[in-house]
Amino acid sequence: MTGQSSLFRGIFTLGVAQLISLVGALVVTVLLPRYLGDVNLGKLAFAGALTSLFGLIADLGTMTYLTKQIARDPSQAGRLTIGTIVTRIPLGVGAALLAVAVVHLANEDPVTRSIVYVMSVAMILVSLGNTLGAALQGLHRMRALAVSMVVGKLAYAALVAWLLLSGFGPVEVALASLISTFVGTGVAAVALGRVLTRSPLPSGDTLRRVLFGGMPFFVWQASLIVYGQIDVVLLALMTNDAVVGWYAAAYRIIMIPAFFPTTVVTAALPALSATAHDPPAFRSIAERCVRIVALTTIPMAFGILVIPDKLIDALGYPAIFQHSLAPIVLLALHMPLAGIDMVLGTMLTALDRQRFWAMAGVAAAVLNPSLNLIAIPLTQALTGNGAIGAAAITTVTELFMFAVCLRLMPRGLLGWSTAAFGLKCVAASALMAAIVWTFRDVPLVASVLIGVAAYAVLTIALRVISLEELRDLASFVLRQRGRGPAVAPEPPAL
C-alpha cells in the first residue's frame, strides 16, 4: 500500500467514525447549555480546563513519540506501549492529586470541587486511553482506533442525555465522562490485546527512552494545552461562571465541524513519519493534507460567520446564551487557521523539526495569556462579556502560529500552487457566505443546503476542484466500502 493510499484509507475510516460520533457531539452540544444553564456549564468548563492543564504531567509528550516510533518500527509496538503505560500511571496519579490540592487551596465551591475530583480520576484514564490510541495510530490500525473513539463518544452522549433528562447536574455529567472514557479505553485495550500480551516486559532502557524521548514533543503539547485552555481558567478568575458558560457554549458549537482537521492529522502523522526520508512522497502527502483541510474548514468558518444567531436558536439554548454570539463569530475565524496549523505542525513533527515547532508553541503559550490579561477585563468592563476578549485572542494566537508555521516550513515543501488553492477556497467561501446571507430568513436546514450547493458550484467554477477529481474521489470512496477491487487504487489528487 502506498503512503498516499494509506493516508486516504485512514482519513476515510476515521472520517466515517467522526461522522458517527458527530451525532453524539450534537446531542451533548444541544443538551448541556439547555439543562445546565450558563453557570453550571461554566463550572464544568473550568474543571475540564484545570484537569487538562494538570494532565500535561501525565503525558510528557509520549503520545506523539509513541506514534512516530511505532510507525517507523512496528515490531517495537508492544514494548514501547507497555513502557509508556508503566510510566504514565504514577505520573497520572500525581497529576490528579495536584489538581485536587489546587482546587482545595483555591477555596472553590463544593460543586466545582466535586467535578474536579471526578475529572481528575478521568484524567488518568484519558492518559492511558491516549497511549493505546497512539499505538493503534502508529500501527495504521485506524479501524480499531475509530471504533474506540465512536464507542466512547456515543457512550458519553447517551449517559449525558439520560442524566440531564432525569434531572441530574454537572457532577453527574462529569461521572458520565469518567465512565465513557473507561469504556473507550477498554475497547482500545482489547484491540491491542495480542500486541501487548505477546510483548516482553520493557527494560529500563525502554522506560528511559519513552520517558525522555517524548520531551521535545512535551514542550509543544504543553504549549498547545496552555494556550488552548488557559483562557477558560483566566475567564473563571477574572469574570464569573456565567461568562465561562457563554464561552464554553460558543466553543462547543465551533468544535463540531472541527472534527475534520483532527481526522486528517491523525491519519497523516504515521503516513508522514513513514515517508520522512522520501521527499517526493512526503511532499505529495503534505500538500494533499493541507488542501483537504483548507477545502473543508474555510467554508465552514464563513458559513458560521453569517448564521450564528440561527445556530443558537436551532439548538434551543436559553435566551441568556445570546451572549455567545460574538464569541462564536470570532472563534469561527480561527477554525481554518487552527486546522491548517495542525497539519503544518504534524509535518514538522514528522520531519523531526519538533524542537523549532515547540519553541513556537512556547511563544504562543506566553502570547495568549499575556493578551488575555488585557482583553478579558477590557471586554468585561466595556460589554459585560469577557468571553469576547478570550475569543478574539484565540484567533490572534492562531494567526500568529500560522505565520510561524510558514516561516518554519522547509523551502520548497509547499509551493505557490497550494497557496493559490487556499486563496481560491477563500474566494469560493466568501461568495457562498454572501449567497447564504441573502437567504438568511429561510430555516437553518435550508441555509445549510443552500451553502453546500453554492460552495460546490463555486469550487468547480473557480477550478478549486474539477469534475474529474470529484469522480475519482467518489470512485475511491466506493472502493473503500468494498465495492471495488481488493487492491486500493491511487487516491485522487486535489
Protein backbone atom coordinates (compact mmCIF):
# COMPACT_ATOMS: atom_id res chain seq x y z
CA MET A 1 0.00 0.00 0.00
CA THR A 2 1.44 3.42 -0.89
CA GLY A 3 1.72 6.19 1.68
CA GLN A 4 -1.00 8.18 -0.09
CA SER A 5 -3.42 5.25 -0.20
CA SER A 6 -2.71 4.60 3.47
CA LEU A 7 -3.40 8.25 4.22
CA PHE A 8 -6.71 8.32 2.38
CA ARG A 9 -7.77 5.00 3.87
CA GLY A 10 -7.05 6.42 7.32
CA ILE A 11 -8.91 9.66 6.61
CA PHE A 12 -11.88 7.73 5.20
CA THR A 13 -12.06 5.33 8.15
CA LEU A 14 -11.62 8.00 10.81
CA GLY A 15 -13.91 10.37 8.91
CA VAL A 16 -16.75 7.86 8.96
CA ALA A 17 -16.15 7.30 12.67
CA GLN A 18 -16.13 11.04 13.33
CA LEU A 19 -19.39 11.49 11.43
CA ILE A 20 -20.99 8.82 13.60
CA SER A 21 -19.50 10.44 16.70
CA LEU A 22 -20.85 13.76 15.46
CA VAL A 23 -24.33 12.56 16.38
CA GLY A 24 -23.17 12.19 19.97
CA ALA A 25 -21.40 15.55 19.91
CA LEU A 26 -24.56 17.24 18.68
CA VAL A 27 -26.59 15.66 21.47
CA VAL A 28 -24.15 16.92 24.08
CA THR A 29 -23.89 20.36 22.47
CA VAL A 30 -27.68 20.73 22.48
CA LEU A 31 -28.35 19.39 25.97
CA LEU A 32 -25.58 20.81 28.15
CA PRO A 33 -26.46 24.54 27.81
CA ARG A 34 -30.19 23.79 27.87
CA TYR A 35 -30.22 21.78 31.07
CA LEU A 36 -27.17 23.02 32.95
CA GLY A 37 -27.50 26.73 32.20
CA ASP A 38 -24.62 29.13 31.87
CA VAL A 39 -23.39 28.95 35.49
CA ASN A 40 -23.15 25.15 35.79
CA LEU A 41 -21.78 24.88 32.25
CA GLY A 42 -19.10 27.36 33.31
CA LYS A 43 -18.20 25.23 36.34
CA LEU A 44 -17.90 22.15 34.14
CA ALA A 45 -15.74 24.00 31.59
CA PHE A 46 -13.45 25.36 34.30
CA ALA A 47 -12.94 21.90 35.83
CA GLY A 48 -12.20 20.45 32.40
CA ALA A 49 -9.64 23.15 31.62
CA LEU A 50 -7.97 22.77 35.00
CA THR A 51 -7.61 18.99 34.78
CA SER A 52 -6.39 19.28 31.19
CA LEU A 53 -3.58 21.54 32.34
CA PHE A 54 -2.54 19.10 35.07
CA GLY A 55 -2.92 16.23 32.61
CA LEU A 56 0.25 17.51 30.96
CA ILE A 57 2.19 15.91 33.80
CA ALA A 58 0.79 12.50 32.89
CA ASP A 59 1.57 12.94 29.20
CA LEU A 60 5.12 14.32 28.92
CA GLY A 61 4.81 14.25 25.13
CA THR A 62 4.98 10.48 24.88
CA MET A 63 1.86 10.11 22.72
CA THR A 64 3.43 11.71 19.63
CA TYR A 65 6.75 9.98 20.28
CA LEU A 66 4.99 6.61 20.53
CA THR A 67 3.12 7.07 17.25
CA LYS A 68 6.26 8.11 15.37
CA GLN A 69 8.44 5.30 16.67
CA ILE A 70 5.85 2.59 16.08
CA ALA A 71 5.14 3.88 12.56
CA ARG A 72 8.87 3.58 11.78
CA ASP A 73 9.35 0.22 13.54
CA PRO A 74 6.09 -1.68 14.22
CA SER A 75 7.97 -4.53 15.88
CA GLN A 76 8.54 -2.25 18.90
CA ALA A 77 4.81 -1.56 19.39
CA GLY A 78 4.19 -3.82 22.39
CA ARG A 79 7.36 -2.98 24.28
CA LEU A 80 7.00 0.80 23.79
CA THR A 81 3.29 0.81 24.62
CA ILE A 82 3.74 -1.13 27.86
CA GLY A 83 6.68 1.07 28.77
CA THR A 84 4.56 4.16 28.24
CA ILE A 85 1.73 2.78 30.38
CA VAL A 86 4.15 1.93 33.20
CA THR A 87 5.48 5.50 33.25
CA ARG A 88 2.10 7.17 32.86
CA ILE A 89 0.20 5.58 35.75
CA PRO A 90 2.28 7.13 38.58
CA LEU A 91 2.51 10.43 36.70
CA GLY A 92 -1.28 10.45 36.23
CA VAL A 93 -1.93 9.76 39.90
CA GLY A 94 0.44 12.57 40.87
CA ALA A 95 -1.25 14.99 38.45
CA ALA A 96 -4.70 14.09 39.82
CA LEU A 97 -3.59 14.72 43.39
CA LEU A 98 -2.16 18.10 42.42
CA ALA A 99 -5.42 19.12 40.71
CA VAL A 100 -7.37 18.18 43.83
CA ALA A 101 -4.95 20.11 46.04
CA VAL A 102 -5.20 23.26 43.89
CA VAL A 103 -8.99 23.31 43.87
CA HIS A 104 -8.97 22.99 47.65
CA LEU A 105 -6.41 25.75 48.14
CA ALA A 106 -8.40 28.00 45.79
CA ASN A 107 -11.44 27.51 48.06
CA GLU A 108 -13.76 26.70 45.15
CA ASP A 109 -17.43 25.97 45.80
CA PRO A 110 -18.47 22.37 46.62
CA VAL A 111 -19.93 21.68 43.16
CA THR A 112 -16.75 22.74 41.36
CA ARG A 113 -14.63 20.71 43.77
CA SER A 114 -16.74 17.59 43.21
CA ILE A 115 -16.46 17.97 39.44
CA VAL A 116 -12.67 18.32 39.70
CA TYR A 117 -12.47 15.17 41.87
CA VAL A 118 -14.28 13.12 39.23
CA MET A 119 -12.43 14.60 36.28
CA SER A 120 -9.08 14.06 37.99
CA VAL A 121 -9.76 10.32 38.00
CA ALA A 122 -10.93 10.54 34.39
CA MET A 123 -7.64 12.30 33.59
CA ILE A 124 -5.70 9.15 34.49
CA LEU A 125 -7.91 7.04 32.22
CA VAL A 126 -7.61 9.59 29.42
CA SER A 127 -3.82 9.30 29.66
CA LEU A 128 -3.99 5.51 29.32
CA GLY A 129 -6.51 5.72 26.50
CA ASN A 130 -4.33 8.19 24.61
CA THR A 131 -1.40 5.79 24.94
CA LEU A 132 -3.36 2.92 23.44
CA GLY A 133 -4.73 5.19 20.73
CA ALA A 134 -1.24 6.38 19.82
CA ALA A 135 -0.11 2.77 19.43
CA LEU A 136 -3.06 1.97 17.17
CA GLN A 137 -2.34 5.11 15.17
CA GLY A 138 1.32 4.15 14.72
CA LEU A 139 0.32 0.68 13.56
CA HIS A 140 -2.06 2.23 10.99
CA ARG A 141 -4.92 0.33 12.67
CA MET A 142 -7.32 3.16 12.05
CA ARG A 143 -10.43 0.99 12.13
CA ALA A 144 -9.76 -0.16 15.70
CA LEU A 145 -8.89 3.41 16.70
CA ALA A 146 -12.10 4.62 15.11
CA VAL A 147 -14.22 2.05 16.94
CA SER A 148 -12.74 3.00 20.32
CA MET A 149 -13.44 6.68 19.58
CA VAL A 150 -17.01 6.06 18.46
CA VAL A 151 -17.90 3.79 21.38
CA GLY A 152 -16.51 6.23 23.94
CA LYS A 153 -18.19 9.30 22.47
CA LEU A 154 -21.56 7.67 21.91
CA ALA A 155 -21.49 6.22 25.42
CA TYR A 156 -20.84 9.71 26.78
CA ALA A 157 -23.67 11.23 24.75
CA ALA A 158 -26.12 8.52 25.83
CA LEU A 159 -25.19 8.88 29.51
CA VAL A 160 -25.37 12.70 29.38
CA ALA A 161 -28.78 12.60 27.71
CA TRP A 162 -30.16 10.15 30.30
CA LEU A 163 -28.71 12.04 33.26
CA LEU A 164 -29.81 15.51 32.18
CA LEU A 165 -33.29 14.40 31.15
CA SER A 166 -33.57 12.71 34.55
CA GLY A 167 -32.78 15.95 36.34
CA PHE A 168 -29.14 15.40 37.31
CA GLY A 169 -26.47 18.11 37.19
CA PRO A 170 -22.84 18.86 36.33
CA VAL A 171 -21.26 16.43 38.80
CA GLU A 172 -23.14 13.53 37.23
CA VAL A 173 -22.14 14.77 33.76
CA ALA A 174 -18.52 14.56 34.91
CA LEU A 175 -19.20 10.98 36.06
CA ALA A 176 -20.53 10.23 32.58
CA SER A 177 -17.22 11.43 31.17
CA LEU A 178 -15.34 9.10 33.52
CA ILE A 179 -17.46 6.06 32.63
CA SER A 180 -17.33 6.67 28.86
CA THR A 181 -13.57 7.17 28.99
CA PHE A 182 -13.25 3.82 30.73
CA VAL A 183 -15.37 2.18 28.01
CA GLY A 184 -13.41 3.71 25.12
CA THR A 185 -10.09 2.81 26.74
CA GLY A 186 -11.29 -0.75 27.23
CA VAL A 187 -12.12 -1.10 23.54
CA ALA A 188 -8.65 0.15 22.56
CA ALA A 189 -7.05 -2.28 25.05
CA VAL A 190 -8.95 -5.21 23.52
CA ALA A 191 -7.84 -4.14 20.03
CA LEU A 192 -4.20 -4.16 21.17
CA GLY A 193 -4.56 -7.33 23.25
CA ARG A 194 -2.26 -9.55 21.22
CA VAL A 195 0.33 -6.86 20.73
CA LEU A 196 0.53 -6.25 24.47
CA THR A 197 0.30 -9.82 25.77
CA ARG A 198 2.93 -11.17 23.38
CA SER A 199 5.45 -8.47 24.17
CA PRO A 200 8.17 -8.92 26.80
CA LEU A 201 8.24 -6.57 29.75
CA PRO A 202 10.02 -3.32 28.95
CA SER A 203 13.60 -2.93 30.08
CA GLY A 204 14.96 0.01 32.00
CA ASP A 205 16.40 1.33 28.75
CA THR A 206 12.95 1.22 27.13
CA LEU A 207 11.41 3.11 30.04
CA ARG A 208 14.09 5.78 29.76
CA ARG A 209 13.53 6.03 26.00
CA VAL A 210 9.82 6.52 26.48
CA LEU A 211 10.22 8.99 29.32
CA PHE A 212 12.87 11.17 27.72
CA GLY A 213 12.04 10.57 24.06
CA GLY A 214 8.80 12.44 24.42
CA MET A 215 10.33 15.54 25.99
CA PRO A 216 10.70 17.52 22.72
CA PHE A 217 7.04 16.80 21.99
CA PHE A 218 6.06 17.60 25.58
CA VAL A 219 7.14 21.22 25.18
CA TRP A 220 4.86 21.56 22.16
CA GLN A 221 1.94 19.65 23.69
CA ALA A 222 2.24 21.62 26.92
CA SER A 223 2.19 24.85 24.94
CA LEU A 224 -0.83 23.64 22.97
CA ILE A 225 -2.77 22.81 26.12
CA VAL A 226 -1.74 26.01 27.86
CA TYR A 227 -2.81 28.36 25.10
CA GLY A 228 -5.88 26.23 24.40
CA GLN A 229 -7.14 26.03 27.99
CA ILE A 230 -5.65 28.92 29.92
CA ASP A 231 -8.28 31.33 28.56
CA VAL A 232 -11.02 29.37 30.36
CA VAL A 233 -9.07 29.46 33.63
CA LEU A 234 -8.40 33.19 33.24
CA LEU A 235 -12.06 33.83 32.45
CA ALA A 236 -13.04 32.00 35.63
CA LEU A 237 -10.58 34.05 37.66
CA MET A 238 -11.42 37.46 36.17
CA THR A 239 -15.17 37.15 35.47
CA ASN A 240 -17.72 34.60 36.72
CA ASP A 241 -19.13 31.16 35.96
CA ALA A 242 -21.83 32.55 33.66
CA VAL A 243 -19.30 34.22 31.34
CA VAL A 244 -17.28 31.00 31.26
CA GLY A 245 -20.51 29.22 30.32
CA TRP A 246 -21.12 31.60 27.40
CA TYR A 247 -17.61 30.97 26.13
CA ALA A 248 -17.93 27.20 26.60
CA ALA A 249 -21.19 27.13 24.63
CA ALA A 250 -19.58 29.07 21.76
CA TYR A 251 -16.57 26.76 21.74
CA ARG A 252 -18.75 23.64 21.68
CA ILE A 253 -20.55 24.90 18.58
CA ILE A 254 -17.28 25.73 16.83
CA MET A 255 -15.73 22.37 17.69
CA ILE A 256 -18.49 20.38 15.95
CA PRO A 257 -17.13 20.95 12.41
CA ALA A 258 -13.54 21.00 13.69
CA PHE A 259 -13.51 17.20 13.76
CA PHE A 260 -12.25 17.04 10.18
CA PRO A 261 -8.77 18.55 10.71
CA THR A 262 -8.32 16.20 13.67
CA THR A 263 -9.20 13.27 11.42
CA VAL A 264 -6.69 14.36 8.79
CA VAL A 265 -3.75 14.83 11.17
CA THR A 266 -4.50 11.56 12.99
CA ALA A 267 -4.18 9.72 9.70
CA ALA A 268 -1.34 11.93 8.46
CA LEU A 269 1.21 11.55 11.27
CA PRO A 270 2.06 7.87 10.68
CA ALA A 271 1.94 8.32 6.88
CA LEU A 272 4.23 11.36 7.00
CA SER A 273 6.55 9.73 9.54
CA ALA A 274 6.92 6.66 7.33
CA THR A 275 7.83 8.81 4.28
CA ALA A 276 10.01 11.38 6.07
CA HIS A 277 13.09 10.18 4.13
CA ASP A 278 11.27 10.10 0.78
CA PRO A 279 10.88 13.80 -0.11
CA PRO A 280 8.61 13.40 -3.18
CA ALA A 281 6.18 11.10 -1.34
CA PHE A 282 6.28 13.28 1.77
CA ARG A 283 5.63 16.44 -0.26
CA SER A 284 2.68 14.85 -2.06
CA ILE A 285 1.04 13.69 1.18
CA ALA A 286 1.69 17.04 2.87
CA GLU A 287 0.17 19.07 0.05
CA ARG A 288 -2.92 16.91 -0.05
CA CYS A 289 -3.45 17.19 3.69
CA VAL A 290 -3.24 20.98 3.60
CA ARG A 291 -5.61 21.16 0.64
CA ILE A 292 -8.17 18.81 2.19
CA VAL A 293 -8.27 20.85 5.40
CA ALA A 294 -8.50 24.16 3.51
CA LEU A 295 -11.24 22.84 1.24
CA THR A 296 -13.41 21.82 4.19
CA THR A 297 -12.73 24.22 7.06
CA ILE A 298 -12.73 27.56 5.22
CA PRO A 299 -16.35 27.26 4.00
CA MET A 300 -17.43 26.03 7.45
CA ALA A 301 -15.95 29.15 9.03
CA PHE A 302 -17.59 31.52 6.54
CA GLY A 303 -20.90 29.72 6.93
CA ILE A 304 -20.86 30.08 10.72
CA LEU A 305 -19.95 33.77 10.38
CA VAL A 306 -23.28 34.63 8.74
CA ILE A 307 -25.71 32.49 10.78
CA PRO A 308 -24.57 32.36 14.44
CA ASP A 309 -27.97 33.53 15.72
CA LYS A 310 -29.74 30.82 13.74
CA LEU A 311 -27.45 28.21 15.25
CA ILE A 312 -28.26 29.36 18.80
CA ASP A 313 -32.00 29.37 18.05
CA ALA A 314 -31.92 25.98 16.32
CA LEU A 315 -30.12 24.42 19.30
CA GLY A 316 -32.82 25.73 21.62
CA TYR A 317 -30.47 27.48 24.02
CA PRO A 318 -31.92 29.74 26.74
CA ALA A 319 -32.01 33.44 25.86
CA ILE A 320 -29.01 34.15 28.11
CA PHE A 321 -26.78 32.39 25.58
CA GLN A 322 -27.26 35.26 23.13
CA HIS A 323 -24.07 36.43 24.82
CA SER A 324 -22.32 33.59 22.95
CA LEU A 325 -22.99 35.11 19.51
CA ALA A 326 -19.96 37.42 19.34
CA PRO A 327 -17.57 34.72 20.63
CA ILE A 328 -18.95 32.30 18.02
CA VAL A 329 -18.17 34.75 15.20
CA LEU A 330 -14.65 35.40 16.49
CA LEU A 331 -13.91 31.72 17.07
CA ALA A 332 -15.20 30.82 13.60
CA LEU A 333 -12.34 32.85 12.13
CA HIS A 334 -9.79 30.76 13.99
CA MET A 335 -11.14 27.40 12.83
CA PRO A 336 -9.42 27.11 9.40
CA LEU A 337 -6.23 28.62 10.83
CA ALA A 338 -6.20 26.05 13.62
CA GLY A 339 -6.87 23.21 11.18
CA ILE A 340 -4.04 24.17 8.84
CA ASP A 341 -1.73 24.82 11.81
CA MET A 342 -2.42 21.26 12.99
CA VAL A 343 -1.38 19.87 9.61
CA LEU A 344 1.73 22.04 9.35
CA GLY A 345 2.76 21.16 12.90
CA THR A 346 2.31 17.46 12.13
CA MET A 347 4.55 17.87 9.08
CA LEU A 348 7.29 19.50 11.17
CA THR A 349 7.00 16.74 13.76
CA ALA A 350 7.31 14.03 11.11
CA LEU A 351 10.44 15.76 9.81
CA ASP A 352 11.96 15.74 13.31
CA ARG A 353 11.80 19.54 13.45
CA GLN A 354 9.65 19.43 16.60
CA ARG A 355 12.14 21.47 18.59
CA PHE A 356 11.53 24.56 16.46
CA TRP A 357 7.79 23.93 16.49
CA ALA A 358 7.91 23.53 20.27
CA MET A 359 9.59 26.89 20.65
CA ALA A 360 6.83 28.46 18.56
CA GLY A 361 4.31 26.82 20.88
CA VAL A 362 6.07 28.28 23.89
CA ALA A 363 5.87 31.73 22.32
CA ALA A 364 2.13 31.24 21.71
CA ALA A 365 1.66 29.99 25.28
CA VAL A 366 3.20 33.25 26.51
CA LEU A 367 1.41 35.47 23.99
CA ASN A 368 -2.09 34.08 24.61
CA PRO A 369 -2.38 34.62 28.39
CA SER A 370 -0.49 37.91 28.17
CA LEU A 371 -3.03 39.32 25.72
CA ASN A 372 -5.93 37.73 27.60
CA LEU A 373 -4.87 39.55 30.76
CA ILE A 374 -5.68 42.73 28.84
CA ALA A 375 -8.55 41.63 26.57
CA ILE A 376 -10.71 39.78 29.10
CA PRO A 377 -11.01 42.55 31.73
CA LEU A 378 -11.31 45.18 28.97
CA THR A 379 -14.24 43.49 27.19
CA GLN A 380 -15.78 42.55 30.55
CA ALA A 381 -15.75 46.21 31.57
CA LEU A 382 -17.00 47.51 28.20
CA THR A 383 -19.59 44.87 27.33
CA GLY A 384 -20.08 42.73 30.44
CA ASN A 385 -18.81 39.78 28.39
CA GLY A 386 -15.16 38.88 28.84
CA ALA A 387 -15.70 35.87 26.56
CA ILE A 388 -15.47 38.28 23.59
CA GLY A 389 -11.90 39.14 24.55
CA ALA A 390 -10.94 35.50 25.07
CA ALA A 391 -12.37 34.54 21.67
CA ALA A 392 -10.57 37.37 19.91
CA ILE A 393 -7.22 36.43 21.46
CA THR A 394 -7.73 32.79 20.50
CA THR A 395 -7.98 33.83 16.84
CA VAL A 396 -4.99 36.19 17.14
CA THR A 397 -2.94 33.34 18.63
CA GLU A 398 -3.79 31.01 15.76
CA LEU A 399 -2.88 33.70 13.25
CA PHE A 400 0.47 34.05 14.99
CA MET A 401 1.02 30.28 14.86
CA PHE A 402 0.10 30.21 11.18
CA ALA A 403 2.73 32.84 10.38
CA VAL A 404 5.34 30.94 12.41
CA CYS A 405 4.42 27.66 10.69
CA LEU A 406 5.02 29.14 7.27
CA ARG A 407 8.36 30.50 8.42
CA LEU A 408 9.47 27.10 9.76
CA MET A 409 8.47 25.09 6.70
CA PRO A 410 11.44 23.77 4.67
CA ARG A 411 11.84 25.72 1.46
CA GLY A 412 10.02 24.17 -1.48
CA LEU A 413 7.86 21.81 0.60
CA LEU A 414 4.62 23.68 -0.08
CA GLY A 415 4.60 25.53 -3.38
CA TRP A 416 2.68 28.53 -4.65
CA SER A 417 0.06 26.20 -6.10
CA THR A 418 -1.00 25.26 -2.55
CA ALA A 419 -1.28 28.94 -1.61
CA ALA A 420 -3.33 29.61 -4.75
CA PHE A 421 -5.57 26.68 -3.83
CA GLY A 422 -6.19 28.20 -0.39
CA LEU A 423 -6.99 31.62 -1.85
CA LYS A 424 -9.50 30.05 -4.24
CA CYS A 425 -11.14 28.32 -1.27
CA VAL A 426 -11.40 31.70 0.48
CA ALA A 427 -12.94 33.30 -2.62
CA ALA A 428 -15.47 30.49 -3.09
CA SER A 429 -16.34 30.58 0.63
CA ALA A 430 -16.81 34.36 0.67
CA LEU A 431 -19.16 34.19 -2.31
CA MET A 432 -21.00 31.29 -0.69
CA ALA A 433 -21.41 33.31 2.53
CA ALA A 434 -22.86 36.23 0.56
CA ILE A 435 -25.42 33.91 -1.03
CA VAL A 436 -26.35 32.40 2.35
CA TRP A 437 -26.71 35.91 3.80
CA THR A 438 -29.09 36.83 1.01
CA PHE A 439 -31.35 33.92 2.02
CA ARG A 440 -30.79 34.26 5.79
CA ASP A 441 -34.55 34.40 6.51
CA VAL A 442 -35.06 30.78 5.48
CA PRO A 443 -34.84 27.96 8.09
CA LEU A 444 -31.39 26.78 9.21
CA VAL A 445 -31.55 23.49 7.28
CA ALA A 446 -32.34 25.39 4.09
CA SER A 447 -29.45 27.80 4.77
CA VAL A 448 -27.04 24.90 5.15
CA LEU A 449 -28.26 23.20 1.97
CA ILE A 450 -28.02 26.47 0.02
CA GLY A 451 -24.49 26.99 1.32
CA VAL A 452 -23.37 23.46 0.42
CA ALA A 453 -24.84 23.69 -3.08
CA ALA A 454 -23.37 27.16 -3.67
CA TYR A 455 -19.91 26.13 -2.48
CA ALA A 456 -19.95 23.00 -4.65
CA VAL A 457 -20.80 25.03 -7.75
CA LEU A 458 -18.31 27.79 -6.91
CA THR A 459 -15.41 25.39 -6.29
CA ILE A 460 -15.94 23.92 -9.75
CA ALA A 461 -16.45 27.33 -11.37
CA LEU A 462 -13.27 28.71 -9.79
CA ARG A 463 -11.41 25.48 -10.61
CA VAL A 464 -10.68 24.71 -7.00
CA ILE A 465 -11.56 21.10 -7.77
CA SER A 466 -12.51 19.57 -11.10
CA LEU A 467 -15.34 17.25 -12.03
CA GLU A 468 -12.80 14.57 -12.88
CA GLU A 469 -11.30 14.80 -9.38
CA LEU A 470 -14.77 14.51 -7.86
CA ARG A 471 -15.45 11.39 -9.92
CA ASP A 472 -12.09 9.91 -8.89
CA LEU A 473 -12.82 10.70 -5.25
CA ALA A 474 -16.26 9.08 -5.42
CA SER A 475 -14.73 6.00 -7.05
CA PHE A 476 -12.05 5.82 -4.37
CA VAL A 477 -14.63 6.07 -1.55
CA LEU A 478 -16.78 3.35 -3.08
CA ARG A 479 -13.78 1.05 -3.31
CA GLN A 480 -13.01 1.63 0.36
CA ARG A 481 -16.50 0.37 1.11
CA GLY A 482 -15.75 -2.89 -0.65
CA ARG A 483 -17.48 -2.20 -3.96
CA GLY A 484 -14.30 -2.28 -5.99
CA PRO A 485 -11.16 -4.35 -6.35
CA ALA A 486 -9.34 -5.61 -3.27
CA VAL A 487 -6.21 -3.59 -4.09
CA ALA A 488 -6.80 0.08 -3.37
CA PRO A 489 -6.24 2.45 -6.30
CA GLU A 490 -4.22 5.60 -6.00
CA PRO A 491 -6.37 8.32 -4.33
CA PRO A 492 -7.34 11.34 -6.37
CA ALA A 493 -5.14 14.43 -6.48
CA LEU A 494 -6.65 17.59 -5.03
